[in-house]
Protein backbone atom coordinates (compact mmCIF):
# COMPACT_ATOMS: atom_id res chain seq x y z
CA MET A 1 0.00 0.00 0.00
CA ASN A 2 2.11 2.87 -1.28
CA ARG A 3 -0.48 5.52 -2.18
CA LYS A 4 -0.77 8.65 -0.07
CA LEU A 5 -3.86 9.23 2.02
CA HIS A 6 -5.01 12.85 1.64
CA ILE A 7 -6.74 14.17 4.75
CA VAL A 8 -9.54 16.72 4.42
CA GLY A 9 -9.79 18.24 7.89
CA GLU A 10 -13.39 18.32 9.10
CA LEU A 11 -13.17 20.44 12.27
CA MET A 12 -14.66 23.59 10.70
CA ASN A 13 -18.09 21.99 10.82
CA ASN A 14 -20.93 22.82 13.22
CA SER A 15 -20.98 19.19 14.35
CA TYR A 16 -17.92 20.15 16.43
CA ALA A 17 -18.35 22.37 19.50
CA ARG A 18 -15.41 24.66 18.70
CA ALA A 19 -16.73 25.42 15.24
CA ARG A 20 -20.27 25.79 16.56
CA LYS A 21 -19.08 28.36 19.12
CA ALA A 22 -17.12 30.27 16.48
CA PHE A 23 -20.11 30.35 14.14
CA THR A 24 -22.57 31.34 16.86
CA GLU A 25 -20.30 34.24 17.83
CA ARG A 26 -19.44 34.99 14.17
CA ASP A 27 -15.81 34.83 15.24
CA PRO A 28 -13.35 34.46 12.33
CA ARG A 29 -10.52 34.03 14.85
CA GLY A 30 -12.10 30.80 16.05
CA TYR A 31 -11.97 29.48 12.49
CA GLN A 32 -8.40 30.68 12.12
CA ALA A 33 -7.42 28.64 15.19
CA LEU A 34 -9.10 25.52 13.78
CA ALA A 35 -7.48 26.08 10.39
CA ARG A 36 -4.01 26.47 11.87
CA LEU A 37 -4.47 23.42 14.08
CA GLN A 38 -5.50 21.14 11.22
CA SER A 39 -2.82 22.45 8.89
CA HIS A 40 -0.19 21.89 11.59
CA LEU A 41 -1.44 18.30 11.94
CA GLY A 42 -0.91 17.70 8.24
CA ALA A 43 -4.35 18.16 6.68
CA ASP A 44 -4.14 18.54 2.91
CA TYR A 45 -7.46 20.39 2.64
CA LEU A 46 -9.79 22.08 5.12
CA THR A 47 -13.53 21.63 4.84
CA LEU A 48 -15.67 24.67 5.55
CA ASN A 49 -19.21 23.56 6.36
CA LEU A 50 -21.42 26.20 8.00
CA ASP A 51 -24.65 24.24 7.76
CA GLY A 52 -26.99 23.40 10.61
CA THR A 53 -26.86 20.22 12.69
CA GLN A 54 -29.01 18.63 15.37
CA ARG A 55 -27.51 21.11 17.83
CA ILE A 56 -27.77 24.33 15.84
CA GLN A 57 -30.17 25.73 13.27
CA VAL A 58 -28.61 27.81 10.51
CA ARG A 59 -30.46 29.72 7.83
CA ARG A 60 -28.92 29.93 4.38
CA GLN A 61 -28.66 33.71 4.54
CA GLU A 62 -26.67 33.46 7.78
CA MET A 63 -24.08 31.35 5.97
CA LEU A 64 -23.98 33.65 2.96
CA ASP A 65 -23.52 36.71 5.16
CA PHE A 66 -20.58 35.15 7.07
CA LEU A 67 -18.62 33.72 4.13
CA PRO A 68 -17.07 37.09 3.06
CA ASP A 69 -15.56 37.44 6.54
CA VAL A 70 -14.53 33.91 7.38
CA ILE A 71 -12.91 32.84 4.10
CA PRO A 72 -10.28 35.63 3.94
CA ALA A 73 -9.60 35.06 7.65
CA ILE A 74 -8.91 31.38 7.10
CA GLN A 75 -6.65 32.18 4.16
CA GLU A 76 -4.73 34.63 6.31
CA ALA A 77 -4.12 31.87 8.86
CA THR A 78 -2.97 29.12 6.47
CA SER A 79 -2.27 28.42 2.81
CA THR A 80 -3.98 25.02 3.00
CA PRO A 81 -6.75 24.97 0.35
CA ILE A 82 -10.40 24.94 1.38
CA ALA A 83 -13.07 22.40 0.49
CA PHE A 84 -16.48 24.09 0.40
CA ASP A 85 -19.17 21.64 1.49
CA ASN A 86 -22.82 22.49 0.94
CA PRO A 87 -25.70 21.37 -1.31
CA SER A 88 -26.61 24.99 -2.13
CA VAL A 89 -25.31 26.54 -5.34
CA GLU A 90 -25.68 29.99 -3.73
CA TYR A 91 -23.27 28.94 -0.98
CA HIS A 92 -20.67 27.90 -3.55
CA LYS A 93 -21.14 31.06 -5.60
CA ALA A 94 -20.44 33.21 -2.55
CA ALA A 95 -17.61 31.02 -1.26
CA LEU A 96 -15.72 30.86 -4.54
CA ARG A 97 -16.17 34.58 -5.16
CA HIS A 98 -14.34 35.34 -1.88
CA TYR A 99 -11.68 32.62 -2.15
CA ASP A 100 -8.24 33.75 -3.33
CA ARG A 101 -6.64 30.83 -5.18
CA ARG A 102 -3.37 32.81 -5.44
CA LYS A 103 -2.93 32.20 -1.70
CA SER A 104 -4.03 28.58 -1.42
CA GLY A 105 -4.32 26.94 -4.83
CA ALA A 106 -7.35 25.19 -6.24
CA PRO A 107 -10.32 24.74 -3.88
CA ILE A 108 -12.73 21.80 -3.78
CA LEU A 109 -16.43 22.09 -4.55
CA ASN A 110 -18.27 19.48 -2.48
CA SER A 111 -20.52 18.17 -3.85
CA LEU A 112 -22.16 17.30 -7.14
CA ALA A 113 -24.97 14.78 -7.00
CA ALA A 114 -27.81 13.55 -9.19
CA SER A 115 -30.39 15.12 -6.86
CA ARG A 116 -28.89 18.64 -6.77
CA GLU A 117 -31.52 21.23 -7.75
CA HIS A 118 -29.03 23.42 -9.62
CA LEU A 119 -26.58 20.81 -10.86
CA ASP A 120 -25.91 22.59 -14.16
CA GLU A 121 -24.93 25.79 -12.33
CA MET A 122 -22.63 23.85 -9.99
CA VAL A 123 -20.85 22.26 -12.95
CA GLU A 124 -20.45 25.73 -14.45
CA LEU A 125 -18.89 26.95 -11.18
CA VAL A 126 -16.40 24.08 -11.30
CA LYS A 127 -15.40 25.19 -14.79
CA HIS A 128 -15.37 28.94 -14.13
CA TYR A 129 -13.34 28.77 -10.91
CA ASP A 130 -11.21 25.81 -12.02
CA THR A 131 -11.95 23.75 -8.90
CA LEU A 132 -11.60 20.14 -7.91
CA ALA A 133 -15.02 18.53 -7.60
CA VAL A 134 -16.48 15.93 -5.26
CA VAL A 135 -19.10 13.69 -6.85
CA MET A 136 -21.59 11.75 -4.72
CA ALA A 137 -21.75 8.24 -6.18
CA SER A 138 -24.52 7.17 -3.83
CA GLU A 139 -27.17 8.65 -6.15
CA ARG A 140 -28.01 7.98 -9.79
CA PHE A 141 -30.23 9.30 -12.53
CA VAL A 142 -33.29 7.22 -13.45
CA PRO A 143 -36.07 7.97 -15.94
CA GLY A 144 -38.08 10.82 -14.48
CA GLY A 145 -35.78 11.55 -11.56
CA THR A 146 -33.08 10.17 -9.28
CA ALA A 147 -32.63 7.16 -7.00
CA GLN A 148 -30.24 5.82 -4.39
CA CYS A 149 -27.49 3.49 -5.59
CA LEU A 150 -28.19 0.11 -3.98
CA ASN A 151 -25.41 -1.93 -5.54
CA PRO A 152 -21.83 -1.28 -6.70
CA GLN A 153 -22.84 -1.39 -10.36
CA ASP A 154 -25.22 1.54 -9.83
CA SER A 155 -22.45 3.54 -8.14
CA TYR A 156 -19.99 2.70 -10.90
CA ARG A 157 -22.43 3.84 -13.58
CA ALA A 158 -23.07 7.08 -11.67
CA VAL A 159 -19.30 7.69 -11.58
CA LYS A 160 -18.95 7.07 -15.31
CA HIS A 161 -21.77 9.53 -16.01
CA PHE A 162 -20.30 12.30 -13.86
CA VAL A 163 -16.71 11.85 -15.04
CA GLU A 164 -17.91 12.20 -18.64
CA LEU A 165 -20.09 15.18 -17.69
CA LEU A 166 -17.24 16.97 -15.93
CA ALA A 167 -14.81 16.24 -18.75
CA THR A 168 -17.08 17.55 -21.49
CA ARG A 169 -18.78 20.45 -19.73
CA ALA A 170 -16.21 21.59 -17.17
CA GLY A 171 -12.93 20.54 -18.77
CA ARG A 172 -11.97 18.43 -15.75
CA ARG A 173 -9.22 15.85 -15.93
CA ASN A 174 -9.61 12.63 -13.96
CA GLU A 175 -7.18 13.78 -11.28
CA GLN A 176 -9.41 16.82 -10.60
CA ILE A 177 -12.40 14.61 -9.74
CA ILE A 178 -13.00 13.08 -6.30
CA ILE A 179 -15.61 10.33 -5.95
CA ASP A 180 -17.53 9.83 -2.69
CA PRO A 181 -19.28 6.43 -2.81
CA GLY A 182 -20.80 7.02 0.62
CA LEU A 183 -19.94 5.32 3.89
CA ALA A 184 -22.57 3.91 6.22
CA PRO A 185 -22.15 3.50 10.00
CA VAL A 186 -20.93 -0.07 10.25
CA GLY A 187 -22.74 -0.67 13.54
CA ALA A 188 -26.10 -0.08 11.84
CA ASP A 189 -25.30 -1.46 8.40
CA THR A 190 -27.84 -4.21 7.88
CA TYR A 191 -28.01 -3.86 4.08
CA GLY A 192 -24.33 -4.35 3.21
CA LEU A 193 -23.73 -0.69 2.33
CA VAL A 194 -20.11 -0.78 3.53
CA ASN A 195 -19.39 -3.69 1.20
CA ILE A 196 -21.23 -1.96 -1.64
CA GLY A 197 -18.97 1.06 -1.23
CA LEU A 198 -15.79 -1.04 -1.18
CA ASP A 199 -16.92 -3.01 -4.23
CA ALA A 200 -17.68 0.23 -6.07
CA MET A 201 -14.16 1.46 -5.28
CA ARG A 202 -12.71 -1.73 -6.74
CA MET A 203 -14.74 -1.30 -9.94
CA ILE A 204 -13.64 2.33 -10.27
CA SER A 205 -9.98 1.44 -9.66
CA ALA A 206 -10.10 -1.37 -12.23
CA ASP A 207 -11.42 0.85 -15.05
CA PRO A 208 -8.52 2.27 -17.12
CA ASP A 209 -10.75 5.11 -18.29
CA LEU A 210 -11.06 6.24 -14.67
CA LYS A 211 -7.35 6.13 -13.90
CA GLY A 212 -6.35 9.09 -11.73
CA VAL A 213 -9.80 9.68 -10.27
CA HIS A 214 -9.65 10.07 -6.48
CA ILE A 215 -11.93 8.31 -3.99
CA LEU A 216 -13.07 9.88 -0.70
CA VAL A 217 -15.15 8.85 2.31
CA GLY A 218 -16.40 10.68 5.37
CA LEU A 219 -14.45 8.57 7.84
CA SER A 220 -16.27 9.70 11.00
CA ASN A 221 -19.48 8.13 9.65
CA PHE A 222 -17.99 4.64 9.76
CA ALA A 223 -17.74 4.07 13.51
CA TRP A 224 -20.56 6.43 14.49
CA GLY A 225 -22.56 4.93 17.35
CA THR A 226 -19.92 2.39 18.36
CA PRO A 227 -18.27 2.51 21.82
CA LYS A 228 -15.52 5.10 22.11
CA GLY A 229 -13.00 2.42 23.04
CA ALA A 230 -13.40 0.78 19.62
CA ARG A 231 -14.06 3.78 17.41
CA GLU A 232 -10.60 4.98 16.37
CA GLU A 233 -9.20 1.51 15.66
CA LEU A 234 -12.29 0.63 13.64
CA GLU A 235 -11.84 3.79 11.56
CA LYS A 236 -8.16 3.05 10.95
CA ALA A 237 -8.94 -0.58 10.08
CA TYR A 238 -11.47 0.65 7.54
CA LEU A 239 -8.82 2.90 6.02
CA THR A 240 -6.65 -0.18 5.48
CA LEU A 241 -9.44 -1.97 3.60
CA GLY A 242 -10.48 1.16 1.75
CA MET A 243 -6.96 1.94 0.55
CA GLU A 244 -6.62 -1.63 -0.71
CA ALA A 245 -9.70 -0.90 -2.84
CA GLY A 246 -8.49 2.48 -4.14
CA LEU A 247 -9.38 5.00 -1.42
CA ASP A 248 -6.97 7.96 -1.23
CA PHE A 249 -8.96 10.80 0.42
CA ALA A 250 -10.64 10.88 3.85
CA LEU A 251 -12.76 13.59 5.40
CA ALA A 252 -11.58 13.16 8.98
CA ASN A 253 -10.53 14.72 12.28
CA PRO A 254 -6.75 15.30 12.05
CA GLU A 255 -6.51 15.24 15.85
CA LYS A 256 -7.14 11.48 15.71
CA SER A 257 -4.11 10.94 13.44
CA PRO A 258 -6.16 9.07 10.84
CA ALA A 259 -3.99 6.51 9.07
CA PRO A 260 -4.36 2.90 7.96
CA LEU A 261 -3.28 0.05 10.21
CA GLU A 262 -0.93 -2.67 9.01
CA LYS A 263 -2.85 -5.20 6.93
CA ASP A 264 -2.12 -7.98 9.44
CA HIS A 265 -3.27 -5.93 12.45
CA PRO A 266 -5.86 -7.88 14.50
CA MET A 267 -8.52 -5.17 14.08
CA VAL A 268 -8.09 -5.25 10.31
CA SER A 269 -8.50 -9.04 10.30
CA ARG A 270 -11.58 -8.87 12.51
CA LEU A 271 -13.20 -6.14 10.41
CA ARG A 272 -12.42 -8.00 7.20
CA GLU A 273 -14.06 -11.13 8.64
CA ALA A 274 -17.13 -9.21 9.84
CA LEU A 275 -17.69 -7.64 6.43
CA ALA A 276 -17.27 -11.02 4.76
CA LEU A 277 -20.03 -12.35 7.02
CA GLY A 278 -22.21 -9.50 5.76
CA ARG A 279 -22.23 -10.82 2.20
CA PRO A 280 -25.41 -12.82 1.47
CA ARG A 281 -24.93 -16.53 0.90
CA GLU A 282 -26.91 -18.35 -1.77
CA GLY A 283 -30.60 -17.95 -1.09
CA GLU A 284 -30.10 -15.46 1.74
CA SER A 285 -31.61 -12.01 2.06
CA HIS A 286 -29.57 -8.92 2.92
CA GLU A 287 -31.38 -8.82 6.25
CA ILE A 288 -29.99 -12.22 7.31
CA SER A 289 -26.41 -11.48 6.27
CA GLY A 290 -26.70 -7.95 7.65
CA PHE A 291 -27.71 -9.29 11.05
CA ARG A 292 -24.74 -11.66 10.97
CA GLN A 293 -22.40 -8.76 10.18
CA ALA A 294 -23.94 -6.63 12.93
CA GLU A 295 -23.39 -9.39 15.48
CA ALA A 296 -19.73 -9.66 14.44
CA ILE A 297 -19.24 -5.88 14.76
CA MET A 298 -20.89 -5.90 18.19
CA GLU A 299 -18.50 -8.63 19.30
CA ILE A 300 -15.51 -6.60 18.07
CA CYS A 301 -16.77 -3.64 20.10
CA ARG A 302 -17.32 -5.73 23.22
CA GLU A 303 -13.79 -7.11 23.02
CA ALA A 304 -12.31 -3.64 22.49
CA GLU A 305 -14.24 -2.24 25.46
CA ALA A 306 -13.16 -5.12 27.65
CA LEU A 307 -9.54 -4.63 26.64
CA ASN A 308 -9.72 -0.92 27.39
CA SER A 309 -11.24 -1.55 30.82
CA VAL A 310 -8.38 -3.93 31.64
CA ASP A 311 -5.84 -1.31 30.51
CA LEU A 312 -7.45 1.26 32.80
């Protein structure tokens, strides 16, 4: 495994208390501190997500009003490029208008998806501002609308569609495109979504026409809901499996030192076995294999918690 893992620091997101405080107080210095911290820890990009969460409600206009202040402040604090994360085209218009690429290089527009209301305008922004682009491969076009991708073939076809779209309409090269196949919380994955994502990565990596395309996941989603004593090792074990399949970008907390474990690490072996149990056998439904996988993940968590309690 010799490819580099690019970390997109996620701390400037209202899911985190420090970012939430800085946004509530409209304090650019709070964002500067988070930007410096993540850059110092080696983040390759810094996500800026001002959207609401379960703990804070944010109106679109509040985000738009703050972007002209916070973006220059972040760029004063660090030259690490910013990844702008929001489904709203108006957010990206404002963000890219106030971003100075002379200071930080090309930004990332996150994200394009089949269900975006103003997808054509987003693609035009990618072209006009010469950005990298994140594509959500968990959604696909169907006659009359869009649908969720429920197997790796659907995700692969969605990727092929968007890579062609970005090449022809935004002049993007493969290496300027970042694919997000989606990452489900493994503790609640009873449909095999983690395996679907890994299989989609393998299909993308095997296609010579997609050579150079990057693959990203939101790493914190993976171990969400699992005991704290197991969470970080589970995330790092997933990185090992993901990088084997072609993963090279992770939206993650740099404070956790996200990095893959050795392929023969016990947690990697246990996770590999659990995901294998999640694949339906002949005649089985996804519910049966999903329950089997969930039981295996629960056992991994119990063992990790027991080990941690002994260490304490």
